[in-house]
């Protein structure tokens, strides 16, 4: 069972879309980095729509903080050549952690239409990342203990490749069993970490992990949670994720009128969820920040994952 002394936490950001949003993001990033996360992931728009902005945030993490950056990649609209070039660009920038996603259809494209390009699944993208890295750095020279100056060949630097997990099922899957089979295939392709889609009940995640372990999955599965600050934001989350409406949370949010009280309820719910997850055996939590630091740091403080010094810094 995880505890506040052993559990990790990490954050997700998205690249800014304006100068004002950029200034706000980098201000929040200072607080998020000071908290000491395991990593911070940065999303990447379909068809490379946010490549430069994503790279700018990732480079800032590498050059101005001690936080390990994770880059998102999707299969949408890329040829093998284009995807390989992008992966190499990230690797050359010093990025060695990725979140490999199939991706959703771009706006205006129906699900049945071909929008994926040459790479048909997250598993294929995982394999491509490993292949590009192996071609880029096939081996390194390591020291030989007891023989000063002697060197021996070692395999090249490994990359961390995370994939998505869906505790309540992917919108396009037929069953949770199919989702677990897909996750097993991603692990067989070389994925070594999973990050879950949003959910609202601890049992959704804990039950999914139990079934996945029984099926033979070995990699970590980090639960993804987000403090929901308003009914409007909840509607948007449900629209994007396809999750069922959490009626109890909605009722709590709609029981108060002020934005401040609604935000407080969102933090309370996320804190209760995180506490239940840690008590149930999760060894970390992944927080979707919506590019704001206050709510997610409040959640971490409430569940004991920030010490006093970190709270004061944040």
Protein backbone atom coordinates (compact mmCIF):
# COMPACT_ATOMS: atom_id res chain seq x y z
CA UNK A 1 0.00 0.00 0.00
CA UNK A 2 1.32 3.44 -0.93
CA UNK A 3 1.77 6.19 1.62
CA UNK A 4 2.50 9.89 1.55
CA UNK A 5 6.17 9.05 2.03
CA UNK A 6 6.42 6.68 -0.96
CA UNK A 7 3.72 7.69 -3.47
CA UNK A 8 4.61 9.84 -6.46
CA UNK A 9 2.67 12.56 -8.23
CA UNK A 10 2.87 14.06 -11.69
CA UNK A 11 1.12 16.74 -13.74
CA UNK A 12 -0.25 17.28 -17.24
CA UNK A 13 -0.14 20.64 -19.05
CA UNK A 14 -1.23 21.75 -22.49
CA UNK A 15 0.72 24.25 -24.64
CA UNK A 16 -0.48 27.88 -24.43
CA UNK A 17 -2.52 29.31 -27.29
CA UNK A 18 -1.80 33.02 -26.73
CA UNK A 19 0.81 35.29 -25.18
CA UNK A 20 -1.41 35.88 -22.13
CA UNK A 21 -1.94 32.14 -21.71
CA UNK A 22 1.81 31.58 -22.04
CA UNK A 23 2.59 34.06 -19.27
CA UNK A 24 -0.03 32.45 -17.02
CA UNK A 25 1.27 28.95 -17.77
CA UNK A 26 4.90 29.74 -16.96
CA UNK A 27 3.83 31.43 -13.73
CA UNK A 28 1.94 28.29 -12.69
CA UNK A 29 4.79 26.10 -13.90
CA UNK A 30 7.12 27.60 -11.31
CA UNK A 31 4.81 26.42 -8.52
CA UNK A 32 4.22 23.01 -10.09
CA UNK A 33 7.94 22.37 -10.60
CA UNK A 34 8.77 23.49 -7.06
CA UNK A 35 6.43 20.80 -5.70
CA UNK A 36 8.82 18.10 -6.96
CA UNK A 37 6.70 15.96 -9.33
CA UNK A 38 7.95 12.70 -10.81
CA UNK A 39 7.38 14.22 -14.27
CA UNK A 40 5.29 16.82 -16.09
CA UNK A 41 3.69 15.82 -19.40
CA UNK A 42 2.85 18.30 -22.16
CA UNK A 43 0.08 17.57 -24.66
CA UNK A 44 0.53 17.75 -28.41
CA UNK A 45 -2.14 18.83 -30.88
CA UNK A 46 -3.35 16.66 -33.74
CA UNK A 47 -1.41 17.01 -37.01
CA UNK A 48 1.38 18.87 -35.22
CA UNK A 49 -0.79 21.90 -34.55
CA UNK A 50 1.04 22.75 -31.33
CA UNK A 51 4.49 21.28 -31.98
CA UNK A 52 6.50 24.48 -31.46
CA UNK A 53 4.53 25.49 -28.36
CA UNK A 54 4.83 21.99 -26.90
CA UNK A 55 8.57 21.93 -27.51
CA UNK A 56 8.94 25.36 -25.92
CA UNK A 57 7.28 24.17 -22.70
CA UNK A 58 9.30 20.93 -22.70
CA UNK A 59 12.56 22.83 -23.24
CA UNK A 60 11.65 25.21 -20.42
CA UNK A 61 11.16 22.23 -18.13
CA UNK A 62 14.57 20.84 -19.09
CA UNK A 63 16.50 24.09 -19.01
CA UNK A 64 14.90 25.96 -16.13
CA UNK A 65 13.69 23.26 -13.73
CA UNK A 66 14.81 19.89 -12.37
CA UNK A 67 11.56 18.23 -13.49
CA UNK A 68 11.58 15.32 -15.93
CA UNK A 69 9.51 16.28 -19.04
CA UNK A 70 7.21 13.90 -20.93
CA UNK A 71 6.09 14.64 -24.51
CA UNK A 72 2.74 13.52 -25.92
CA UNK A 73 2.63 11.97 -29.39
CA UNK A 74 -0.38 10.82 -31.42
CA UNK A 75 -0.93 8.71 -34.51
CA UNK A 76 -3.23 11.27 -36.14
CA UNK A 77 -2.37 12.29 -39.67
CA UNK A 78 1.31 11.30 -39.69
CA UNK A 79 3.32 9.29 -42.18
CA UNK A 80 6.09 7.05 -40.84
CA UNK A 81 8.63 9.56 -42.14
CA UNK A 82 6.94 12.53 -40.48
CA UNK A 83 6.43 10.70 -37.19
CA UNK A 84 10.04 9.47 -37.17
CA UNK A 85 11.28 13.00 -37.82
CA UNK A 86 9.19 14.38 -34.96
CA UNK A 87 10.32 11.65 -32.54
CA UNK A 88 13.94 12.35 -33.43
CA UNK A 89 13.35 16.08 -32.95
CA UNK A 90 12.08 15.43 -29.42
CA UNK A 91 14.95 13.01 -28.69
CA UNK A 92 17.53 15.48 -30.02
CA UNK A 93 16.03 18.10 -27.70
CA UNK A 94 16.75 15.79 -24.77
CA UNK A 95 13.27 14.34 -24.28
CA UNK A 96 13.41 10.67 -23.27
CA UNK A 97 9.85 10.16 -21.98
CA UNK A 98 6.76 9.99 -24.16
CA UNK A 99 3.03 9.40 -23.88
CA UNK A 100 2.04 7.49 -27.01
CA UNK A 101 -1.63 7.92 -27.95
CA UNK A 102 -3.76 6.79 -30.86
CA UNK A 103 -5.51 10.15 -30.82
CA UNK A 104 -9.04 11.26 -31.62
CA UNK A 105 -10.41 12.34 -35.00
CA UNK A 106 -9.69 16.02 -35.73
CA UNK A 107 -12.66 18.37 -35.57
CA UNK A 108 -14.97 17.84 -38.53
CA UNK A 109 -13.71 14.30 -39.25
CA UNK A 110 -16.04 11.40 -38.60
CA UNK A 111 -14.82 8.35 -36.65
CA UNK A 112 -15.16 6.05 -39.65
CA UNK A 113 -12.96 8.21 -41.86
CA UNK A 114 -9.24 7.53 -42.19
CA UNK A 115 -7.46 10.08 -40.01
CA UNK A 116 -4.57 8.07 -38.61
CA UNK A 117 -2.03 8.15 -41.42
CA UNK A 118 0.56 5.34 -41.58
CA UNK A 119 0.51 4.51 -37.86
CA UNK A 120 -2.64 2.63 -36.94
CA UNK A 121 -2.42 2.26 -33.16
CA UNK A 122 -0.67 3.42 -30.03
CA UNK A 123 1.19 0.10 -29.97
CA UNK A 124 2.70 0.79 -33.40
CA UNK A 125 3.71 4.27 -32.20
CA UNK A 126 5.40 2.73 -29.14
CA UNK A 127 7.42 0.44 -31.42
CA UNK A 128 8.38 3.35 -33.66
CA UNK A 129 9.67 5.43 -30.73
CA UNK A 130 11.86 2.53 -29.61
CA UNK A 131 13.07 1.99 -33.17
CA UNK A 132 14.02 5.64 -33.71
CA UNK A 133 15.86 5.77 -30.39
CA UNK A 134 17.71 2.51 -31.12
CA UNK A 135 18.82 3.84 -34.53
CA UNK A 136 19.82 7.16 -33.01
CA UNK A 137 21.80 5.76 -30.04
CA UNK A 138 22.42 2.05 -30.69
CA UNK A 139 25.01 1.71 -27.91
CA UNK A 140 27.17 3.59 -25.41
CA UNK A 141 30.53 2.93 -23.78
CA UNK A 142 30.51 2.07 -20.08
CA UNK A 143 33.23 1.82 -17.44
CA UNK A 144 34.59 -1.60 -16.46
CA UNK A 145 34.84 -1.86 -12.64
CA UNK A 146 38.40 -2.63 -11.53
CA UNK A 147 39.98 -1.74 -14.88
CA UNK A 148 40.63 2.02 -15.06
CA UNK A 149 40.31 3.39 -18.55
CA UNK A 150 38.74 0.23 -19.94
CA UNK A 151 35.38 0.53 -21.74
CA UNK A 152 32.72 -1.94 -22.78
CA UNK A 153 29.71 -1.66 -25.03
CA UNK A 154 26.28 -1.22 -23.49
CA UNK A 155 22.89 -0.87 -25.10
CA UNK A 156 21.80 2.71 -25.79
CA UNK A 157 19.78 4.85 -23.41
CA UNK A 158 16.27 3.52 -22.92
CA UNK A 159 13.17 5.66 -23.23
CA UNK A 160 10.10 5.74 -21.01
CA UNK A 161 6.93 5.27 -23.05
CA UNK A 162 3.58 5.71 -21.36
CA UNK A 163 0.22 4.79 -22.86
CA UNK A 164 -3.39 5.48 -21.95
CA UNK A 165 -5.57 3.19 -19.84
CA UNK A 166 -9.35 3.38 -19.60
CA UNK A 167 -10.80 2.17 -16.27
CA UNK A 168 -14.37 2.56 -17.53
CA UNK A 169 -13.67 1.47 -21.08
CA UNK A 170 -12.61 3.34 -24.18
CA UNK A 171 -15.62 4.92 -25.96
CA UNK A 172 -14.90 2.74 -29.02
CA UNK A 173 -14.27 -0.55 -27.19
CA UNK A 174 -16.77 -3.35 -26.76
CA UNK A 175 -15.82 -4.27 -23.19
CA UNK A 176 -13.34 -3.70 -20.38
CA UNK A 177 -11.76 -7.03 -21.33
CA UNK A 178 -11.00 -5.59 -24.75
CA UNK A 179 -9.41 -2.55 -23.10
CA UNK A 180 -7.20 -4.79 -20.97
CA UNK A 181 -6.22 -6.85 -24.03
CA UNK A 182 -5.29 -3.61 -25.79
CA UNK A 183 -3.22 -2.51 -22.80
CA UNK A 184 -1.43 -5.88 -22.77
CA UNK A 185 -0.64 -5.41 -26.46
CA UNK A 186 0.80 -1.96 -25.76
CA UNK A 187 3.00 -3.43 -23.04
CA UNK A 188 4.16 -6.18 -25.40
CA UNK A 189 5.06 -3.45 -27.92
CA UNK A 190 7.37 -1.85 -25.36
CA UNK A 191 5.25 0.49 -23.24
CA UNK A 192 6.45 0.67 -19.64
CA UNK A 193 3.91 2.96 -17.96
CA UNK A 194 0.15 3.55 -18.22
CA UNK A 195 -1.77 6.69 -17.26
CA UNK A 196 -5.50 6.41 -16.82
CA UNK A 197 -8.28 8.41 -18.35
CA UNK A 198 -10.30 10.50 -15.90
CA UNK A 199 -12.77 8.73 -13.63
CA UNK A 200 -14.75 9.79 -10.57
CA UNK A 201 -14.93 6.73 -8.28
CA UNK A 202 -11.91 5.00 -6.72
CA UNK A 203 -13.45 1.56 -7.33
CA UNK A 204 -13.44 2.25 -11.09
CA UNK A 205 -9.64 2.41 -11.07
CA UNK A 206 -8.95 -0.16 -8.36
CA UNK A 207 -11.20 -2.77 -9.98
CA UNK A 208 -9.62 -2.15 -13.38
CA UNK A 209 -6.10 -2.56 -11.97
CA UNK A 210 -7.10 -5.79 -10.25
CA UNK A 211 -8.44 -7.24 -13.51
CA UNK A 212 -5.39 -6.04 -15.46
CA UNK A 213 -2.98 -7.64 -12.98
CA UNK A 214 -4.95 -10.89 -13.11
CA UNK A 215 -4.58 -10.80 -16.90
CA UNK A 216 -0.79 -10.50 -16.58
CA UNK A 217 -0.15 -6.76 -16.97
CA UNK A 218 3.08 -5.78 -15.23
CA UNK A 219 3.61 -2.05 -15.83
CA UNK A 220 2.52 0.70 -13.45
CA UNK A 221 -0.92 2.22 -13.97
CA UNK A 222 -1.10 5.78 -12.65
CA UNK A 223 -4.62 7.05 -11.90
CA UNK A 224 -5.45 10.33 -13.62
CA UNK A 225 -7.66 12.77 -11.70
CA UNK A 226 -8.68 16.41 -12.04
CA UNK A 227 -10.22 18.82 -9.53
CA UNK A 228 -13.48 19.87 -11.23
CA UNK A 229 -14.13 23.56 -10.46
CA UNK A 230 -17.62 24.02 -11.91
CA UNK A 231 -20.59 22.25 -13.55
CA UNK A 232 -19.57 23.82 -16.85
CA UNK A 233 -16.09 22.32 -16.63
CA UNK A 234 -17.64 18.97 -15.68
CA UNK A 235 -19.77 19.08 -18.83
CA UNK A 236 -16.66 19.71 -20.92
CA UNK A 237 -14.78 16.83 -19.27
CA UNK A 238 -17.67 14.44 -19.94
CA UNK A 239 -17.88 15.61 -23.55
CA UNK A 240 -14.18 14.91 -24.11
CA UNK A 241 -13.91 11.66 -22.15
CA UNK A 242 -17.26 9.97 -22.69
CA UNK A 243 -17.46 9.21 -18.95
CA UNK A 244 -20.85 8.76 -17.27
CA UNK A 245 -22.16 11.80 -15.41
CA UNK A 246 -21.05 11.63 -11.74
CA UNK A 247 -24.41 12.64 -10.31
CA UNK A 248 -23.21 13.05 -6.72
CA UNK A 249 -20.38 15.39 -7.68
CA UNK A 250 -22.68 17.35 -9.98
CA UNK A 251 -25.22 17.77 -7.19
CA UNK A 252 -22.51 19.05 -4.85
CA UNK A 253 -21.24 21.52 -7.43
CA UNK A 254 -24.75 22.76 -8.24
CA UNK A 255 -25.66 23.12 -4.56
CA UNK A 256 -23.61 26.32 -4.28
CA UNK A 257 -23.62 29.42 -6.44
CA UNK A 258 -20.24 31.09 -6.06
CA UNK A 259 -17.27 30.04 -8.22
CA UNK A 260 -15.10 29.94 -5.09
CA UNK A 261 -17.37 27.45 -3.34
CA UNK A 262 -17.66 25.32 -6.46
CA UNK A 263 -13.86 25.24 -6.80
CA UNK A 264 -13.57 24.24 -3.12
CA UNK A 265 -15.98 21.34 -3.69
CA UNK A 266 -13.96 20.24 -6.73
CA UNK A 267 -10.78 20.15 -4.65
CA UNK A 268 -12.56 18.27 -1.86
CA UNK A 269 -13.84 15.61 -4.27
CA UNK A 270 -10.43 15.17 -5.93
CA UNK A 271 -8.77 14.98 -2.49
CA UNK A 272 -11.20 12.30 -1.31
CA UNK A 273 -10.65 10.38 -4.54
CA UNK A 274 -6.85 10.61 -4.29
CA UNK A 275 -6.93 9.52 -0.65
CA UNK A 276 -9.07 6.48 -1.49
CA UNK A 277 -6.76 5.57 -4.39
CA UNK A 278 -3.64 5.70 -2.24
CA UNK A 279 -5.35 3.70 0.50
CA UNK A 280 -6.38 1.15 -2.12
CA UNK A 281 -2.82 0.59 -3.32
CA UNK A 282 -2.10 3.20 -6.02
CA UNK A 283 1.59 4.12 -5.89
CA UNK A 284 1.06 7.60 -7.31
CA UNK A 285 -1.42 10.02 -8.88
CA UNK A 286 -1.35 11.94 -12.14
CA UNK A 287 -3.10 15.32 -11.96
CA UNK A 288 -4.66 17.05 -14.96
CA UNK A 289 -3.95 20.71 -14.13
CA UNK A 290 -5.78 22.65 -16.83
CA UNK A 291 -2.65 24.83 -16.66
CA UNK A 292 -3.46 26.06 -13.13
CA UNK A 293 -1.47 25.18 -10.02
CA UNK A 294 -3.65 26.16 -7.06
CA UNK A 295 -6.23 23.37 -7.09
CA UNK A 296 -3.85 20.46 -7.79
CA UNK A 297 -1.40 21.62 -5.12
CA UNK A 298 -4.29 21.90 -2.66
CA UNK A 299 -5.19 18.28 -3.45
CA UNK A 300 -1.62 17.13 -2.89
CA UNK A 301 -1.46 19.02 0.40
CA UNK A 302 -4.76 17.52 1.55
CA UNK A 303 -3.56 13.94 1.00
CA UNK A 304 -0.11 14.48 2.50
CA UNK A 305 1.98 14.43 -0.67
CA UNK A 306 3.44 17.90 -0.08
CA UNK A 307 5.59 18.63 2.93
CA UNK A 308 5.44 21.97 4.75
CA UNK A 309 8.35 23.45 2.81
CA UNK A 310 6.78 22.55 -0.51
CA UNK A 311 3.45 24.06 0.50
CA UNK A 312 5.13 27.31 1.44
CA UNK A 313 7.11 27.38 -1.83
CA UNK A 314 3.96 26.60 -3.81
